[in-house]
Amino acid sequence: MRTTIRIEDEIMKELLTLTKRKKKTEAITFAIADFLKRKGKEKLLDIKGKMRLHSNWRKLRHAELKEE
């Protein structure tokens, strides 16, 4: 998808430096992908302790793998 955006020069320079990318498109794509990955991890951490796993989850997983 082609998109036109305006980014301040200083911000772009810092992004290029931090991401160690040479092209602006690569740096922006990397930064967005990293942001999305971090948000996904945050969502997982938010549910930490809210789910109850059976104490025999290893046995259940082993049985599940045998069925495949």
N, C-alpha and C. Protein backbone atom coordinates (compact mmCIF):
# COMPACT_ATOMS: atom_id res chain seq x y z
N MET A 1 0.85 -1.17 0.00
CA MET A 1 0.00 0.00 0.00
C MET A 1 0.90 1.24 0.00
N ARG A 2 0.60 2.15 -0.82
CA ARG A 2 1.36 3.39 -0.90
C ARG A 2 0.64 4.45 -0.09
N THR A 3 1.39 5.12 0.81
CA THR A 3 0.82 6.15 1.67
C THR A 3 1.79 7.32 1.75
N THR A 4 1.26 8.50 1.76
CA THR A 4 2.09 9.69 1.91
C THR A 4 1.94 10.20 3.34
N ILE A 5 3.06 10.38 4.02
CA ILE A 5 3.03 10.91 5.39
C ILE A 5 4.12 11.96 5.54
N ARG A 6 3.94 12.84 6.49
CA ARG A 6 4.95 13.85 6.79
C ARG A 6 5.56 13.54 8.15
N ILE A 7 6.87 13.38 8.15
CA ILE A 7 7.59 13.07 9.38
C ILE A 7 8.72 14.09 9.51
N GLU A 8 8.85 14.65 10.69
CA GLU A 8 9.90 15.64 10.92
C GLU A 8 11.27 15.02 10.64
N ASP A 9 12.15 15.83 10.07
CA ASP A 9 13.48 15.35 9.69
C ASP A 9 14.24 14.74 10.86
N GLU A 10 14.19 15.37 12.01
CA GLU A 10 14.93 14.86 13.18
C GLU A 10 14.40 13.51 13.63
N ILE A 11 13.10 13.36 13.59
CA ILE A 11 12.50 12.08 13.98
C ILE A 11 12.91 10.99 12.99
N MET A 12 12.91 11.30 11.71
CA MET A 12 13.29 10.32 10.70
C MET A 12 14.76 9.95 10.84
N LYS A 13 15.61 10.92 11.09
CA LYS A 13 17.04 10.63 11.27
C LYS A 13 17.25 9.70 12.46
N GLU A 14 16.54 9.98 13.55
CA GLU A 14 16.68 9.14 14.74
C GLU A 14 16.14 7.73 14.47
N LEU A 15 15.03 7.65 13.75
CA LEU A 15 14.46 6.34 13.41
C LEU A 15 15.44 5.53 12.56
N LEU A 16 16.02 6.16 11.57
CA LEU A 16 16.99 5.48 10.71
C LEU A 16 18.19 4.99 11.53
N THR A 17 18.63 5.81 12.47
CA THR A 17 19.76 5.43 13.31
C THR A 17 19.40 4.26 14.23
N LEU A 18 18.28 4.38 14.91
CA LEU A 18 17.89 3.34 15.87
C LEU A 18 17.55 2.01 15.22
N THR A 19 16.93 2.06 14.06
CA THR A 19 16.55 0.81 13.39
C THR A 19 17.69 0.23 12.54
N LYS A 20 18.74 1.03 12.35
CA LYS A 20 19.90 0.62 11.54
C LYS A 20 19.47 0.26 10.12
N ARG A 21 18.52 1.02 9.61
CA ARG A 21 18.05 0.84 8.24
C ARG A 21 18.54 2.01 7.40
N LYS A 22 18.75 1.77 6.11
CA LYS A 22 19.24 2.83 5.23
C LYS A 22 18.11 3.53 4.50
N LYS A 23 17.03 2.81 4.26
CA LYS A 23 15.90 3.38 3.53
C LYS A 23 14.77 3.73 4.49
N LYS A 24 14.13 4.84 4.22
CA LYS A 24 13.05 5.33 5.08
C LYS A 24 11.90 4.32 5.16
N THR A 25 11.53 3.76 4.01
CA THR A 25 10.43 2.80 3.99
C THR A 25 10.73 1.60 4.87
N GLU A 26 11.96 1.09 4.80
CA GLU A 26 12.35 -0.05 5.63
C GLU A 26 12.29 0.30 7.11
N ALA A 27 12.77 1.50 7.46
CA ALA A 27 12.77 1.93 8.86
C ALA A 27 11.35 2.07 9.40
N ILE A 28 10.48 2.66 8.61
CA ILE A 28 9.09 2.85 9.05
C ILE A 28 8.38 1.51 9.17
N THR A 29 8.57 0.64 8.19
CA THR A 29 7.96 -0.69 8.24
C THR A 29 8.45 -1.46 9.46
N PHE A 30 9.75 -1.41 9.72
CA PHE A 30 10.32 -2.08 10.88
C PHE A 30 9.71 -1.53 12.18
N ALA A 31 9.63 -0.21 12.27
CA ALA A 31 9.11 0.43 13.49
C ALA A 31 7.65 0.06 13.73
N ILE A 32 6.85 0.05 12.67
CA ILE A 32 5.43 -0.30 12.81
C ILE A 32 5.28 -1.77 13.22
N ALA A 33 6.04 -2.64 12.58
CA ALA A 33 5.98 -4.07 12.92
C ALA A 33 6.40 -4.30 14.37
N ASP A 34 7.44 -3.61 14.81
CA ASP A 34 7.90 -3.73 16.19
C ASP A 34 6.84 -3.23 17.16
N PHE A 35 6.20 -2.12 16.83
CA PHE A 35 5.13 -1.57 17.67
C PHE A 35 4.00 -2.58 17.81
N LEU A 36 3.58 -3.18 16.68
CA LEU A 36 2.49 -4.15 16.72
C LEU A 36 2.86 -5.38 17.54
N LYS A 37 4.11 -5.83 17.42
CA LYS A 37 4.57 -6.98 18.20
C LYS A 37 4.54 -6.65 19.70
N ARG A 38 5.00 -5.46 20.05
CA ARG A 38 5.00 -5.06 21.47
C ARG A 38 3.58 -4.97 22.03
N LYS A 39 2.66 -4.44 21.23
CA LYS A 39 1.27 -4.34 21.68
C LYS A 39 0.67 -5.73 21.89
N GLY A 40 1.03 -6.66 21.01
CA GLY A 40 0.56 -8.04 21.18
C GLY A 40 1.06 -8.65 22.46
N LYS A 41 2.34 -8.40 22.79
CA LYS A 41 2.90 -8.90 24.04
C LYS A 41 2.22 -8.26 25.24
N GLU A 42 1.92 -6.96 25.14
CA GLU A 42 1.22 -6.28 26.23
C GLU A 42 -0.14 -6.92 26.49
N LYS A 43 -0.85 -7.28 25.42
CA LYS A 43 -2.15 -7.91 25.57
C LYS A 43 -2.02 -9.25 26.29
N LEU A 44 -0.98 -10.01 25.94
CA LEU A 44 -0.76 -11.28 26.62
C LEU A 44 -0.44 -11.08 28.09
N LEU A 45 0.38 -10.09 28.38
CA LEU A 45 0.73 -9.81 29.77
C LEU A 45 -0.48 -9.34 30.57
N ASP A 46 -1.40 -8.64 29.91
CA ASP A 46 -2.60 -8.16 30.59
C ASP A 46 -3.48 -9.31 31.07
N ILE A 47 -3.47 -10.43 30.34
CA ILE A 47 -4.31 -11.55 30.76
C ILE A 47 -3.57 -12.50 31.70
N LYS A 48 -2.31 -12.19 31.99
CA LYS A 48 -1.53 -13.03 32.91
C LYS A 48 -2.25 -13.11 34.25
N GLY A 49 -2.41 -14.32 34.73
CA GLY A 49 -3.06 -14.53 36.02
C GLY A 49 -4.58 -14.56 35.94
N LYS A 50 -5.14 -14.28 34.78
CA LYS A 50 -6.59 -14.25 34.65
C LYS A 50 -7.12 -15.56 34.07
N MET A 51 -6.22 -16.40 33.60
CA MET A 51 -6.62 -17.69 33.05
C MET A 51 -6.14 -18.79 33.99
N ARG A 52 -6.92 -19.81 34.11
CA ARG A 52 -6.57 -20.92 34.98
C ARG A 52 -6.23 -22.13 34.11
N LEU A 53 -5.03 -22.62 34.26
CA LEU A 53 -4.62 -23.81 33.52
C LEU A 53 -4.70 -25.03 34.43
N HIS A 54 -5.08 -26.13 33.85
CA HIS A 54 -5.12 -27.36 34.62
C HIS A 54 -3.70 -27.77 34.99
N SER A 55 -3.53 -28.35 36.14
CA SER A 55 -2.19 -28.74 36.58
C SER A 55 -1.60 -29.84 35.70
N ASN A 56 -2.43 -30.52 34.96
CA ASN A 56 -1.94 -31.60 34.10
C ASN A 56 -1.87 -31.17 32.63
N TRP A 57 -1.56 -29.92 32.38
CA TRP A 57 -1.55 -29.41 31.01
C TRP A 57 -0.51 -30.11 30.14
N ARG A 58 0.59 -30.55 30.73
CA ARG A 58 1.60 -31.25 29.94
C ARG A 58 1.06 -32.59 29.43
N LYS A 59 0.35 -33.31 30.28
CA LYS A 59 -0.25 -34.58 29.87
C LYS A 59 -1.29 -34.35 28.78
N LEU A 60 -2.09 -33.32 28.94
CA LEU A 60 -3.10 -33.01 27.94
C LEU A 60 -2.45 -32.66 26.60
N ARG A 61 -1.38 -31.88 26.65
CA ARG A 61 -0.68 -31.49 25.42
C ARG A 61 -0.06 -32.72 24.75
N HIS A 62 0.52 -33.61 25.54
CA HIS A 62 1.12 -34.82 25.01
C HIS A 62 0.05 -35.69 24.32
N ALA A 63 -1.09 -35.83 24.96
CA ALA A 63 -2.19 -36.62 24.38
C ALA A 63 -2.69 -35.97 23.09
N GLU A 64 -2.75 -34.67 23.08
CA GLU A 64 -3.19 -33.94 21.89
C GLU A 64 -2.22 -34.16 20.72
N LEU A 65 -0.94 -34.16 21.01
CA LEU A 65 0.07 -34.37 19.96
C LEU A 65 0.00 -35.79 19.42
N LYS A 66 -0.32 -36.77 20.27
CA LYS A 66 -0.44 -38.16 19.83
C LYS A 66 -1.60 -38.32 18.84
N GLU A 67 -2.66 -37.54 19.03
CA GLU A 67 -3.82 -37.63 18.16
C GLU A 67 -3.52 -37.14 16.75
N GLU A 68 -2.57 -36.24 16.63
CA GLU A 68 -2.23 -35.69 15.31
C GLU A 68 -1.43 -36.68 14.58
